[in-house]
């Protein structure tokens, strides 16, 4: 007899041994079979599987978990005769911080999506996996657990601070002219003890159109532990022609765990000229013929005060000159307006 024939005969004897002699190999319920056997379909007593399933958590090379990195792979080795049921994955530190489950596991690789993450958690965690299964002939499920696996969880978003370095052609109050060049914007992204800043993107809150981009990727300007400063080059032409309206921007930053933080900033690009209002006499004169106002002249006469309202909501008024036209001659009278004033009067 060959080895294969002998093995087949041994398996047949094992099946027959599972049956009570009085049943002559046939059964209608599990009670018709010996202990450790069950009544299979077709009314035949078969021995119950004795090998327990083996469950293994496979986190791969990365052990970082978050709401964005929430997939946990679990491998199951099980006898085909076992009915595999629910697979539950739980993550805890000194308390539960996330969990997930599937209703019916399969032999091989199963993927469980985690949910219910605790917000703003950063630290070491332990991953547990529990498989429920049913042995043929049993009335209740049994459970087996995997060896726990160590991981790190990060659900805390980074903080983002937006700033605009002073440009070489900026006014004292920080405004720059609208030119064909770029304006640098920086964002300080601090992730504390988390997974670390990964990227940052600057977006204009209102897209300018005209073929200009609405968002700009940041490049790393400096990098310290847990903190990265990103630099953005934004065309100054995002400002509309003739406008001095502040331009709102938002920087969105991601850390290595996929958590997103946001920070707001403002671009100050000035392409609007100052607005000059109507002149008005402050010094009272004498009304003469023709309704004209006259003042005393000569080298010893007191000065005549004239009010000229000038407003500029951007970089501010740098200087103002008043020109007098008299009988074919002109003269300029400078004033003391400067950047720090949004409006001024000529005197």
Protein backbone atom coordinates (compact mmCIF):
# COMPACT_ATOMS: atom_id res chain seq x y z
CA UNK A 1 0.00 0.00 0.00
CA UNK A 2 1.35 3.43 -0.93
CA UNK A 3 1.82 6.23 1.62
CA UNK A 4 -0.97 8.26 -0.01
CA UNK A 5 -3.35 5.29 0.19
CA UNK A 6 -2.41 4.76 3.82
CA UNK A 7 -3.07 8.42 4.66
CA UNK A 8 -6.45 8.29 2.95
CA UNK A 9 -7.38 5.16 4.84
CA UNK A 10 -6.31 6.72 8.13
CA UNK A 11 -8.44 9.81 7.49
CA UNK A 12 -11.44 7.59 6.67
CA UNK A 13 -10.97 5.63 9.88
CA UNK A 14 -10.83 8.93 11.85
CA UNK A 15 -14.15 10.01 10.34
CA UNK A 16 -15.77 6.68 11.04
CA UNK A 17 -14.43 6.69 14.58
CA UNK A 18 -16.31 9.93 15.21
CA UNK A 19 -19.62 8.09 14.75
CA UNK A 20 -21.33 6.10 17.41
CA UNK A 21 -21.49 2.41 16.56
CA UNK A 22 -25.23 2.46 17.03
CA UNK A 23 -25.58 5.21 14.38
CA UNK A 24 -23.59 3.19 11.86
CA UNK A 25 -21.88 6.38 10.59
CA UNK A 26 -25.11 8.31 10.15
CA UNK A 27 -26.55 11.12 12.30
CA UNK A 28 -29.41 13.58 12.47
CA UNK A 29 -28.15 15.78 15.35
CA UNK A 30 -24.84 16.39 17.10
CA UNK A 31 -25.93 14.12 19.97
CA UNK A 32 -25.78 11.17 17.59
CA UNK A 33 -22.00 11.66 17.30
CA UNK A 34 -19.18 10.94 19.73
CA UNK A 35 -17.62 13.69 21.88
CA UNK A 36 -15.43 15.93 19.75
CA UNK A 37 -17.51 15.29 16.64
CA UNK A 38 -20.50 17.00 15.02
CA UNK A 39 -23.26 16.06 12.61
CA UNK A 40 -22.25 17.54 9.25
CA UNK A 41 -24.49 18.18 6.26
CA UNK A 42 -25.50 14.90 4.71
CA UNK A 43 -25.98 13.33 8.12
CA UNK A 44 -22.37 12.22 8.62
CA UNK A 45 -20.41 12.58 11.87
CA UNK A 46 -17.13 14.45 11.43
CA UNK A 47 -14.43 15.34 13.92
CA UNK A 48 -14.36 18.98 15.06
CA UNK A 49 -11.30 21.07 14.11
CA UNK A 50 -8.81 21.16 16.96
CA UNK A 51 -6.46 23.88 15.65
CA UNK A 52 -7.29 27.37 16.88
CA UNK A 53 -7.16 30.31 14.46
CA UNK A 54 -4.03 32.45 14.53
CA UNK A 55 -4.56 36.23 14.37
CA UNK A 56 -1.65 38.58 13.58
CA UNK A 57 -1.69 42.40 13.53
CA UNK A 58 0.34 43.73 10.58
CA UNK A 59 1.11 47.43 10.89
CA UNK A 60 3.87 47.39 8.27
CA UNK A 61 6.85 49.73 8.34
CA UNK A 62 4.76 52.64 9.66
CA UNK A 63 3.23 52.41 13.10
CA UNK A 64 1.60 55.85 12.93
CA UNK A 65 -2.17 55.98 13.39
CA UNK A 66 -4.57 58.91 12.94
CA UNK A 67 -8.01 59.69 11.55
CA UNK A 68 -6.36 59.86 8.11
CA UNK A 69 -4.05 56.84 8.63
CA UNK A 70 -6.79 54.61 10.06
CA UNK A 71 -6.34 51.31 8.22
CA UNK A 72 -5.13 48.32 10.27
CA UNK A 73 -4.33 45.05 8.49
CA UNK A 74 -4.96 41.83 10.39
CA UNK A 75 -3.95 38.42 9.04
CA UNK A 76 -6.04 35.36 9.95
CA UNK A 77 -4.93 31.71 9.58
CA UNK A 78 -7.89 29.41 10.22
CA UNK A 79 -9.13 25.90 9.42
CA UNK A 80 -11.57 26.08 6.49
CA UNK A 81 -14.17 24.26 8.61
CA UNK A 82 -14.33 27.13 11.10
CA UNK A 83 -16.98 29.80 10.56
CA UNK A 84 -15.24 33.18 10.90
CA UNK A 85 -17.36 35.98 12.32
CA UNK A 86 -16.55 39.45 13.68
CA UNK A 87 -13.06 40.96 13.86
CA UNK A 88 -12.57 43.87 16.29
CA UNK A 89 -9.55 46.14 16.60
CA UNK A 90 -9.14 48.35 19.66
CA UNK A 91 -6.45 50.98 20.34
CA UNK A 92 -5.68 52.16 23.85
CA UNK A 93 -3.10 53.89 25.99
CA UNK A 94 -4.29 53.90 29.57
CA UNK A 95 -7.80 54.25 28.14
CA UNK A 96 -9.49 53.51 24.78
CA UNK A 97 -8.61 56.05 22.06
CA UNK A 98 -9.92 54.41 18.84
CA UNK A 99 -11.62 51.26 17.59
CA UNK A 100 -13.06 49.55 14.54
CA UNK A 101 -14.55 46.25 13.42
CA UNK A 102 -15.79 44.19 10.50
CA UNK A 103 -18.78 41.85 10.68
CA UNK A 104 -17.23 38.84 8.94
CA UNK A 105 -13.52 38.15 8.71
CA UNK A 106 -11.94 35.99 6.03
CA UNK A 107 -8.95 33.69 6.13
CA UNK A 108 -5.97 35.73 4.93
CA UNK A 109 -5.63 39.52 5.11
CA UNK A 110 -8.43 41.61 6.61
CA UNK A 111 -8.47 45.42 6.79
CA UNK A 112 -10.23 47.19 9.63
CA UNK A 113 -10.93 50.93 9.45
CA UNK A 114 -10.58 52.66 12.80
CA UNK A 115 -12.89 55.41 14.00
CA UNK A 116 -13.86 57.25 17.14
CA UNK A 117 -10.41 58.77 17.51
CA UNK A 118 -9.80 60.81 20.62
CA UNK A 119 -9.12 64.40 19.57
CA UNK A 120 -5.75 66.07 20.19
CA UNK A 121 -4.07 62.87 21.32
CA UNK A 122 -0.34 62.36 20.79
CA UNK A 123 1.50 59.39 22.24
CA UNK A 124 2.26 55.69 22.33
CA UNK A 125 -0.65 53.26 22.01
CA UNK A 126 -1.26 49.52 21.94
CA UNK A 127 -3.29 47.82 19.20
CA UNK A 128 -5.45 44.78 20.03
CA UNK A 129 -7.31 42.46 17.65
CA UNK A 130 -10.01 39.93 18.61
CA UNK A 131 -11.56 37.36 16.25
CA UNK A 132 -14.89 35.64 16.88
CA UNK A 133 -15.39 32.25 15.25
CA UNK A 134 -17.70 29.24 15.50
CA UNK A 135 -16.56 25.61 15.73
CA UNK A 136 -18.92 23.30 13.78
CA UNK A 137 -21.36 21.66 16.17
CA UNK A 138 -21.02 24.38 18.85
CA UNK A 139 -23.89 26.67 19.79
CA UNK A 140 -21.78 29.74 20.67
CA UNK A 141 -18.84 31.65 19.26
CA UNK A 142 -15.35 31.36 20.60
CA UNK A 143 -12.77 34.16 20.54
CA UNK A 144 -9.03 34.38 19.97
CA UNK A 145 -6.81 37.43 20.37
CA UNK A 146 -3.73 38.54 18.50
CA UNK A 147 -0.49 39.44 20.20
CA UNK A 148 -0.80 43.21 20.92
CA UNK A 149 1.21 45.54 18.68
CA UNK A 150 2.83 48.86 19.61
CA UNK A 151 2.07 52.02 17.61
CA UNK A 152 1.99 55.81 17.86
CA UNK A 153 -1.17 57.89 17.47
CA UNK A 154 -1.36 61.56 16.50
CA UNK A 155 -4.67 63.36 16.15
CA UNK A 156 -3.49 66.86 17.12
CA UNK A 157 -3.40 69.43 14.29
CA UNK A 158 -0.36 71.71 13.97
CA UNK A 159 -0.59 75.41 14.75
CA UNK A 160 0.02 77.84 11.86
CA UNK A 161 1.23 81.44 12.16
CA UNK A 162 1.36 83.54 8.96
CA UNK A 163 3.67 86.53 8.50
CA UNK A 164 4.99 88.75 5.70
CA UNK A 165 8.69 89.67 5.91
CA UNK A 166 9.41 93.36 5.30
CA UNK A 167 10.27 93.81 1.62
CA UNK A 168 13.08 96.11 0.52
CA UNK A 169 10.58 98.45 -1.17
CA UNK A 170 7.96 98.38 1.59
CA UNK A 171 6.60 101.54 3.17
CA UNK A 172 7.10 102.06 6.92
CA UNK A 173 3.68 100.55 7.55
CA UNK A 174 4.47 97.43 5.51
CA UNK A 175 2.71 98.07 2.20
CA UNK A 176 4.44 97.26 -1.10
CA UNK A 177 3.72 98.54 -4.60
CA UNK A 178 2.07 96.37 -7.25
CA UNK A 179 4.90 95.31 -9.53
CA UNK A 180 5.75 92.32 -11.71
CA UNK A 181 7.71 90.76 -8.86
CA UNK A 182 6.69 88.45 -6.01
CA UNK A 183 5.86 89.06 -2.37
CA UNK A 184 7.27 86.54 0.10
CA UNK A 185 4.93 85.11 2.72
CA UNK A 186 6.03 82.78 5.50
CA UNK A 187 4.14 80.34 7.72
CA UNK A 188 5.48 78.93 10.96
CA UNK A 189 4.03 75.44 11.43
CA UNK A 190 4.44 74.02 14.93
CA UNK A 191 3.44 70.40 15.55
CA UNK A 192 4.79 70.15 19.08
CA UNK A 193 5.48 66.52 20.01
CA UNK A 194 3.40 65.23 17.11
CA UNK A 195 4.43 63.53 13.89
CA UNK A 196 5.99 66.71 12.46
CA UNK A 197 5.00 69.22 9.76
CA UNK A 198 4.90 67.72 6.27
CA UNK A 199 3.58 70.38 3.86
CA UNK A 200 1.87 73.76 3.63
CA UNK A 201 -0.21 75.50 0.97
CA UNK A 202 -1.17 79.18 0.76
CA UNK A 203 -4.57 79.98 -0.78
CA UNK A 204 -6.05 83.34 -1.67
CA UNK A 205 -9.43 83.67 0.01
CA UNK A 206 -10.73 85.32 -3.18
CA UNK A 207 -9.27 83.98 -6.42
CA UNK A 208 -8.07 86.89 -8.59
CA UNK A 209 -8.67 85.24 -11.97
CA UNK A 210 -6.89 86.52 -15.03
CA UNK A 211 -4.82 83.38 -15.32
CA UNK A 212 -3.27 83.80 -11.88
CA UNK A 213 -3.09 80.91 -9.46
CA UNK A 214 -5.32 80.69 -6.40
CA UNK A 215 -2.93 78.57 -4.30
CA UNK A 216 0.83 78.29 -3.86
CA UNK A 217 2.88 75.43 -2.40
CA UNK A 218 5.37 76.27 0.32
CA UNK A 219 9.06 75.40 0.38
CA UNK A 220 10.98 74.74 3.59
CA UNK A 221 12.73 77.89 4.79
CA UNK A 222 13.95 76.55 8.14
CA UNK A 223 13.45 73.36 10.12
CA UNK A 224 13.75 72.78 13.85
CA UNK A 225 12.44 69.91 15.94
CA UNK A 226 8.67 69.91 15.65
CA UNK A 227 8.60 73.25 13.80
CA UNK A 228 9.01 74.12 10.12
CA UNK A 229 8.90 77.57 8.53
CA UNK A 230 7.52 77.45 4.98
CA UNK A 231 8.09 80.19 2.40
CA UNK A 232 5.67 81.17 -0.38
CA UNK A 233 6.27 83.40 -3.41
CA UNK A 234 3.04 85.19 -4.34
CA UNK A 235 2.88 87.41 -7.45
CA UNK A 236 2.14 91.01 -6.56
CA UNK A 237 -0.20 91.12 -9.52
CA UNK A 238 -2.78 89.21 -7.48
CA UNK A 239 -3.78 92.72 -6.44
CA UNK A 240 -6.27 94.29 -8.85
CA UNK A 241 -5.09 97.31 -10.78
CA UNK A 242 -5.88 100.56 -9.00
CA UNK A 243 -6.75 98.80 -5.75
CA UNK A 244 -5.37 99.08 -2.24
CA UNK A 245 -7.73 96.57 -0.64
CA UNK A 246 -6.02 94.13 1.78
CA UNK A 247 -5.83 90.58 0.35
CA UNK A 248 -6.83 87.82 2.76
CA UNK A 249 -4.93 84.53 2.57
CA UNK A 250 -5.14 81.20 4.40
CA UNK A 251 -2.28 78.74 4.91
CA UNK A 252 -3.27 75.10 5.37
CA UNK A 253 -0.59 72.83 6.83
CA UNK A 254 -0.50 69.04 7.17
CA UNK A 255 1.59 67.00 9.56
CA UNK A 256 2.92 63.52 8.81
CA UNK A 257 -0.25 61.98 10.29
CA UNK A 258 -2.49 63.96 7.93
CA UNK A 259 -3.84 66.35 10.58
CA UNK A 260 -4.59 69.81 9.17
CA UNK A 261 -4.03 73.18 10.80
CA UNK A 262 -4.86 76.62 9.35
CA UNK A 263 -3.63 80.16 9.80
CA UNK A 264 -4.82 83.47 8.32
CA UNK A 265 -2.82 86.38 6.98
CA UNK A 266 -3.14 89.57 4.91
CA UNK A 267 -1.17 90.85 1.92
CA UNK A 268 -0.75 94.64 1.70
CA UNK A 269 -0.20 95.57 -1.95
CA UNK A 270 -0.93 99.19 -2.90
CA UNK A 271 -1.81 100.20 -6.47
CA UNK A 272 -4.13 103.12 -5.64
CA UNK A 273 -3.17 106.80 -5.72
CA UNK A 274 -4.03 109.08 -2.80
CA UNK A 275 -7.41 110.79 -3.01
CA UNK A 276 -7.38 114.61 -2.85
CA UNK A 277 -10.53 116.31 -1.67
CA UNK A 278 -11.79 119.85 -2.20
CA UNK A 279 -9.64 122.72 -0.91
CA UNK A 280 -11.05 125.07 1.67
CA UNK A 281 -9.86 128.38 3.10
CA UNK A 282 -9.20 128.30 6.79
CA UNK A 283 -8.01 131.90 7.16
CA UNK A 284 -10.86 134.38 6.86
CA UNK A 285 -10.39 136.95 4.10
CA UNK A 286 -12.34 139.90 2.77
CA UNK A 287 -14.91 139.43 0.07
CA UNK A 288 -14.34 141.91 -2.72
CA UNK A 289 -15.92 142.72 -5.99
CA UNK A 290 -16.94 139.77 -8.05
CA UNK A 291 -17.30 137.66 -4.92
CA UNK A 292 -13.56 136.87 -4.69
CA UNK A 293 -11.85 136.53 -1.32
CA UNK A 294 -8.90 138.85 -0.76
CA UNK A 295 -6.04 138.79 1.75
CA UNK A 296 -3.45 141.30 2.79
CA UNK A 297 -0.27 140.89 0.76
CA UNK A 298 3.30 141.93 1.17
CA UNK A 299 6.34 140.56 2.97
CA UNK A 300 4.95 141.22 6.40
CA UNK A 301 1.48 139.84 5.80
CA UNK A 302 0.39 136.81 7.83
CA UNK A 303 0.22 133.41 6.04
CA UNK A 304 -3.02 132.20 4.53
CA UNK A 305 -4.08 128.76 5.73
CA UNK A 306 -5.65 126.43 3.16
CA UNK A 307 -7.01 122.97 4.09
CA UNK A 308 -6.54 120.18 1.53
CA UNK A 309 -7.91 116.77 2.65
CA UNK A 310 -5.84 113.85 1.32
CA UNK A 311 -6.61 110.22 2.12
CA UNK A 312 -4.76 106.99 1.34
CA UNK A 313 -5.85 103.69 2.88
CA UNK A 314 -2.78 101.81 1.68
CA UNK A 315 0.82 102.84 2.17
CA UNK A 316 -0.19 106.34 3.27
CA UNK A 317 0.62 109.85 1.99
CA UNK A 318 4.33 110.48 1.52
CA UNK A 319 4.25 114.15 0.49
CA UNK A 320 1.91 116.86 -0.77
CA UNK A 321 2.64 120.03 -2.73
CA UNK A 322 0.24 122.91 -3.31
CA UNK A 323 0.61 124.85 -6.54
CA UNK A 324 -0.65 128.46 -6.85
CA UNK A 325 -1.42 129.82 -10.30
CA UNK A 326 -1.16 133.63 -10.46
CA UNK A 327 -0.98 135.65 -13.68
CA UNK A 328 1.09 133.17 -15.65
CA UNK A 329 3.37 132.16 -12.77
CA UNK A 330 3.24 129.05 -10.61
CA UNK A 331 4.78 128.18 -7.27
CA UNK A 332 4.81 125.03 -5.16
CA UNK A 333 4.24 125.03 -1.44
CA UNK A 334 5.43 121.72 0.16
CA UNK A 335 3.64 120.27 3.16
CA UNK A 336 4.57 117.95 5.99
CA UNK A 337 2.47 114.90 5.16
CA UNK A 338 4.19 111.53 5.54
CA UNK A 339 3.65 107.77 5.46
CA UNK A 340 2.29 107.67 8.95
CA UNK A 341 -0.72 109.79 8.03
CA UNK A 342 -3.76 108.38 6.27
CA UNK A 343 -4.89 111.95 5.64
CA UNK A 344 -3.38 115.41 5.92
CA UNK A 345 -4.06 119.10 5.47
CA UNK A 346 -1.89 121.56 3.61
CA UNK A 347 -1.24 124.72 5.58
